[in-house]
Amino acid sequence: MSKLKMIDLCAGTGAFTKAFEETGKVTTVFANDIEKTSQQIYNNNFKHNLVCCDIHDIIVSDIPKHDILCSGFPCQPFSLAGKKKGYQLVALKLIFLYSFSLKNLMRNY
């Protein structure tokens, strides 16, 4: 049986990637994050490289076909360390973007 293909957006240091790949049933075909320090840690822990860029700069059609979409929840709007802008922060709007712009990339079963 072939492995399920996963993308990990706003992947941070790769917690979702690690958890899914440790099942032996999933392979990550794309990961991204905006933080350079996250990229360094991620790339030290995985065979594939994390694309370090703003998610808004990614061309959706360049993301490989996948079965699973993971994304780190944008916690900065709610974090004590953040500016506590809640739903006003643009990053939180990504959740809604995922469900629409990436829908066409999911495989049909």
C-alpha atoms as a PDB file:
ATOM      1  CA  MET A   1       0.000   0.000   0.000  1.00  0.00           C
ATOM      2  CA  SER A   2       1.353   3.419  -0.895  1.00  0.00           C
ATOM      3  CA  LYS A   3       1.824   6.065   1.743  1.00  0.00           C
ATOM      4  CA  LEU A   4      -0.582   8.953   2.138  1.00  0.00           C
ATOM      5  CA  LYS A   5       0.853  12.282   1.025  1.00  0.00           C
ATOM      6  CA  MET A   6       0.729  15.225   3.434  1.00  0.00           C
ATOM      7  CA  ILE A   7       1.439  18.936   3.291  1.00  0.00           C
ATOM      8  CA  ASP A   8       2.260  20.876   6.448  1.00  0.00           C
ATOM      9  CA  LEU A   9       1.591  24.608   6.220  1.00  0.00           C
ATOM     10  CA  CYS A  10       2.853  27.003   8.870  1.00  0.00           C
ATOM     11  CA  ALA A  11       4.765  23.938   9.998  1.00  0.00           C
ATOM     12  CA  GLY A  12       6.972  25.562  12.609  1.00  0.00           C
ATOM     13  CA  THR A  13       9.613  23.085  13.675  1.00  0.00           C
ATOM     14  CA  GLY A  14       7.639  20.085  12.391  1.00  0.00           C
ATOM     15  CA  ALA A  15       5.509  18.594  15.169  1.00  0.00           C
ATOM     16  CA  PHE A  16       2.723  17.537  12.772  1.00  0.00           C
ATOM     17  CA  THR A  17       5.241  16.225  10.270  1.00  0.00           C
ATOM     18  CA  LYS A  18       6.982  14.136  12.926  1.00  0.00           C
ATOM     19  CA  ALA A  19       3.761  12.704  14.341  1.00  0.00           C
ATOM     20  CA  PHE A  20       2.335  11.711  10.972  1.00  0.00           C
ATOM     21  CA  GLU A  21       5.576  10.347   9.522  1.00  0.00           C
ATOM     22  CA  GLU A  22       6.230   8.224  12.617  1.00  0.00           C
ATOM     23  CA  THR A  23       3.112   6.191  11.768  1.00  0.00           C
ATOM     24  CA  GLY A  24       4.980   4.880   8.741  1.00  0.00           C
ATOM     25  CA  LYS A  25       1.842   5.499   6.663  1.00  0.00           C
ATOM     26  CA  VAL A  26       2.448   9.128   5.669  1.00  0.00           C
ATOM     27  CA  THR A  27       5.091  10.997   3.717  1.00  0.00           C
ATOM     28  CA  THR A  28       5.375  14.785   3.668  1.00  0.00           C
ATOM     29  CA  VAL A  29       5.472  16.233   0.160  1.00  0.00           C
ATOM     30  CA  PHE A  30       5.511  19.941   1.093  1.00  0.00           C
ATOM     31  CA  ALA A  31       6.062  22.041   4.211  1.00  0.00           C
ATOM     32  CA  ASN A  32       6.398  25.745   4.793  1.00  0.00           C
ATOM     33  CA  ASP A  33       6.852  28.334   7.523  1.00  0.00           C
ATOM     34  CA  ILE A  34       7.795  32.000   7.580  1.00  0.00           C
ATOM     35  CA  GLU A  35      10.317  31.781  10.435  1.00  0.00           C
ATOM     36  CA  LYS A  36      13.966  31.238   9.460  1.00  0.00           C
ATOM     37  CA  THR A  37      14.795  29.679  12.854  1.00  0.00           C
ATOM     38  CA  SER A  38      11.958  27.182  12.390  1.00  0.00           C
ATOM     39  CA  GLN A  39      13.341  26.314   8.965  1.00  0.00           C
ATOM     40  CA  GLN A  40      16.765  25.526  10.412  1.00  0.00           C
ATOM     41  CA  ILE A  41      15.334  23.207  13.071  1.00  0.00           C
ATOM     42  CA  TYR A  42      12.917  21.564  10.623  1.00  0.00           C
ATOM     43  CA  ASN A  43      15.597  20.919   8.019  1.00  0.00           C
ATOM     44  CA  ASN A  44      17.867  19.340  10.638  1.00  0.00           C
ATOM     45  CA  ASN A  45      15.132  16.850  11.542  1.00  0.00           C
ATOM     46  CA  PHE A  46      13.712  15.775   8.176  1.00  0.00           C
ATOM     47  CA  LYS A  47      14.988  14.493   4.828  1.00  0.00           C
ATOM     48  CA  HIS A  48      12.913  17.018   2.875  1.00  0.00           C
ATOM     49  CA  ASN A  49      13.349  20.775   3.251  1.00  0.00           C
ATOM     50  CA  LEU A  50      10.876  23.285   4.581  1.00  0.00           C
ATOM     51  CA  VAL A  51      10.091  26.162   2.207  1.00  0.00           C
ATOM     52  CA  CYS A  52      10.728  29.353   4.155  1.00  0.00           C
ATOM     53  CA  CYS A  53       8.385  32.069   2.921  1.00  0.00           C
ATOM     54  CA  ASP A  54       5.158  33.884   3.660  1.00  0.00           C
ATOM     55  CA  ILE A  55       2.323  31.499   2.869  1.00  0.00           C
ATOM     56  CA  HIS A  56       0.657  34.231   0.840  1.00  0.00           C
ATOM     57  CA  ASP A  57       3.613  34.109  -1.566  1.00  0.00           C
ATOM     58  CA  ILE A  58       3.154  30.423  -2.355  1.00  0.00           C
ATOM     59  CA  ILE A  59       1.580  29.677  -5.712  1.00  0.00           C
ATOM     60  CA  VAL A  60      -1.186  27.252  -4.830  1.00  0.00           C
ATOM     61  CA  SER A  61      -0.772  25.263  -8.043  1.00  0.00           C
ATOM     62  CA  ASP A  62       2.876  24.586  -7.055  1.00  0.00           C
ATOM     63  CA  ILE A  63       1.804  22.629  -3.975  1.00  0.00           C
ATOM     64  CA  PRO A  64       1.923  18.895  -4.735  1.00  0.00           C
ATOM     65  CA  LYS A  65      -1.215  16.761  -4.722  1.00  0.00           C
ATOM     66  CA  HIS A  66      -1.868  15.472  -1.232  1.00  0.00           C
ATOM     67  CA  ASP A  67      -4.229  13.460   0.938  1.00  0.00           C
ATOM     68  CA  ILE A  68      -3.708  15.295   4.232  1.00  0.00           C
ATOM     69  CA  LEU A  69      -3.412  19.005   4.922  1.00  0.00           C
ATOM     70  CA  CYS A  70      -1.946  20.017   8.273  1.00  0.00           C
ATOM     71  CA  SER A  71      -1.362  23.522   9.470  1.00  0.00           C
ATOM     72  CA  GLY A  72      -0.096  25.065  12.632  1.00  0.00           C
ATOM     73  CA  PHE A  73      -2.840  27.176  14.134  1.00  0.00           C
ATOM     74  CA  PRO A  74      -1.851  30.855  14.103  1.00  0.00           C
ATOM     75  CA  CYS A  75      -1.538  31.216  17.882  1.00  0.00           C
ATOM     76  CA  GLN A  76       0.021  34.687  17.882  1.00  0.00           C
ATOM     77  CA  PRO A  77      -3.369  36.474  17.874  1.00  0.00           C
ATOM     78  CA  PHE A  78      -4.257  34.816  21.191  1.00  0.00           C
ATOM     79  CA  SER A  79      -0.851  34.386  22.826  1.00  0.00           C
ATOM     80  CA  LEU A  80       0.205  36.379  25.853  1.00  0.00           C
ATOM     81  CA  ALA A  81       3.432  37.040  23.955  1.00  0.00           C
ATOM     82  CA  GLY A  82       1.488  38.353  20.942  1.00  0.00           C
ATOM     83  CA  LYS A  83      -0.428  41.566  20.462  1.00  0.00           C
ATOM     84  CA  LYS A  84      -3.768  39.898  21.310  1.00  0.00           C
ATOM     85  CA  LYS A  85      -5.549  41.089  18.170  1.00  0.00           C
ATOM     86  CA  GLY A  86      -7.622  37.912  17.965  1.00  0.00           C
ATOM     87  CA  TYR A  87      -9.655  37.524  14.811  1.00  0.00           C
ATOM     88  CA  GLN A  88      -8.481  40.896  13.496  1.00  0.00           C
ATOM     89  CA  LEU A  89      -5.075  39.469  12.632  1.00  0.00           C
ATOM     90  CA  VAL A  90      -4.641  38.532   8.991  1.00  0.00           C
ATOM     91  CA  ALA A  91      -2.855  35.278   9.893  1.00  0.00           C
ATOM     92  CA  LEU A  92      -6.024  33.879  11.403  1.00  0.00           C
ATOM     93  CA  LYS A  93      -7.796  34.330   8.084  1.00  0.00           C
ATOM     94  CA  LEU A  94      -5.538  31.577   6.736  1.00  0.00           C
ATOM     95  CA  ILE A  95      -7.843  28.988   8.256  1.00  0.00           C
ATOM     96  CA  PHE A  96     -10.570  30.100   5.898  1.00  0.00           C
ATOM     97  CA  LEU A  97      -8.162  30.365   2.981  1.00  0.00           C
ATOM     98  CA  TYR A  98      -7.126  26.717   3.402  1.00  0.00           C
ATOM     99  CA  SER A  99     -10.616  25.386   3.045  1.00  0.00           C
ATOM    100  CA  PHE A 100     -11.207  27.232  -0.222  1.00  0.00           C
ATOM    101  CA  SER A 101      -7.956  27.637  -2.138  1.00  0.00           C
ATOM    102  CA  LEU A 102      -6.502  24.196  -1.386  1.00  0.00           C
ATOM    103  CA  LYS A 103      -9.693  22.210  -1.832  1.00  0.00           C
ATOM    104  CA  ASN A 104      -8.888  21.592  -5.505  1.00  0.00           C
ATOM    105  CA  LEU A 105      -5.551  19.995  -4.585  1.00  0.00           C
ATOM    106  CA  MET A 106      -6.975  17.168  -2.529  1.00  0.00           C
ATOM    107  CA  ARG A 107      -7.154  13.784  -4.230  1.00  0.00           C
ATOM    108  CA  ASN A 108     -10.565  12.404  -4.988  1.00  0.00           C
ATOM    109  CA  TYR A 109     -11.368   9.036  -3.448  1.00  0.00           C
END
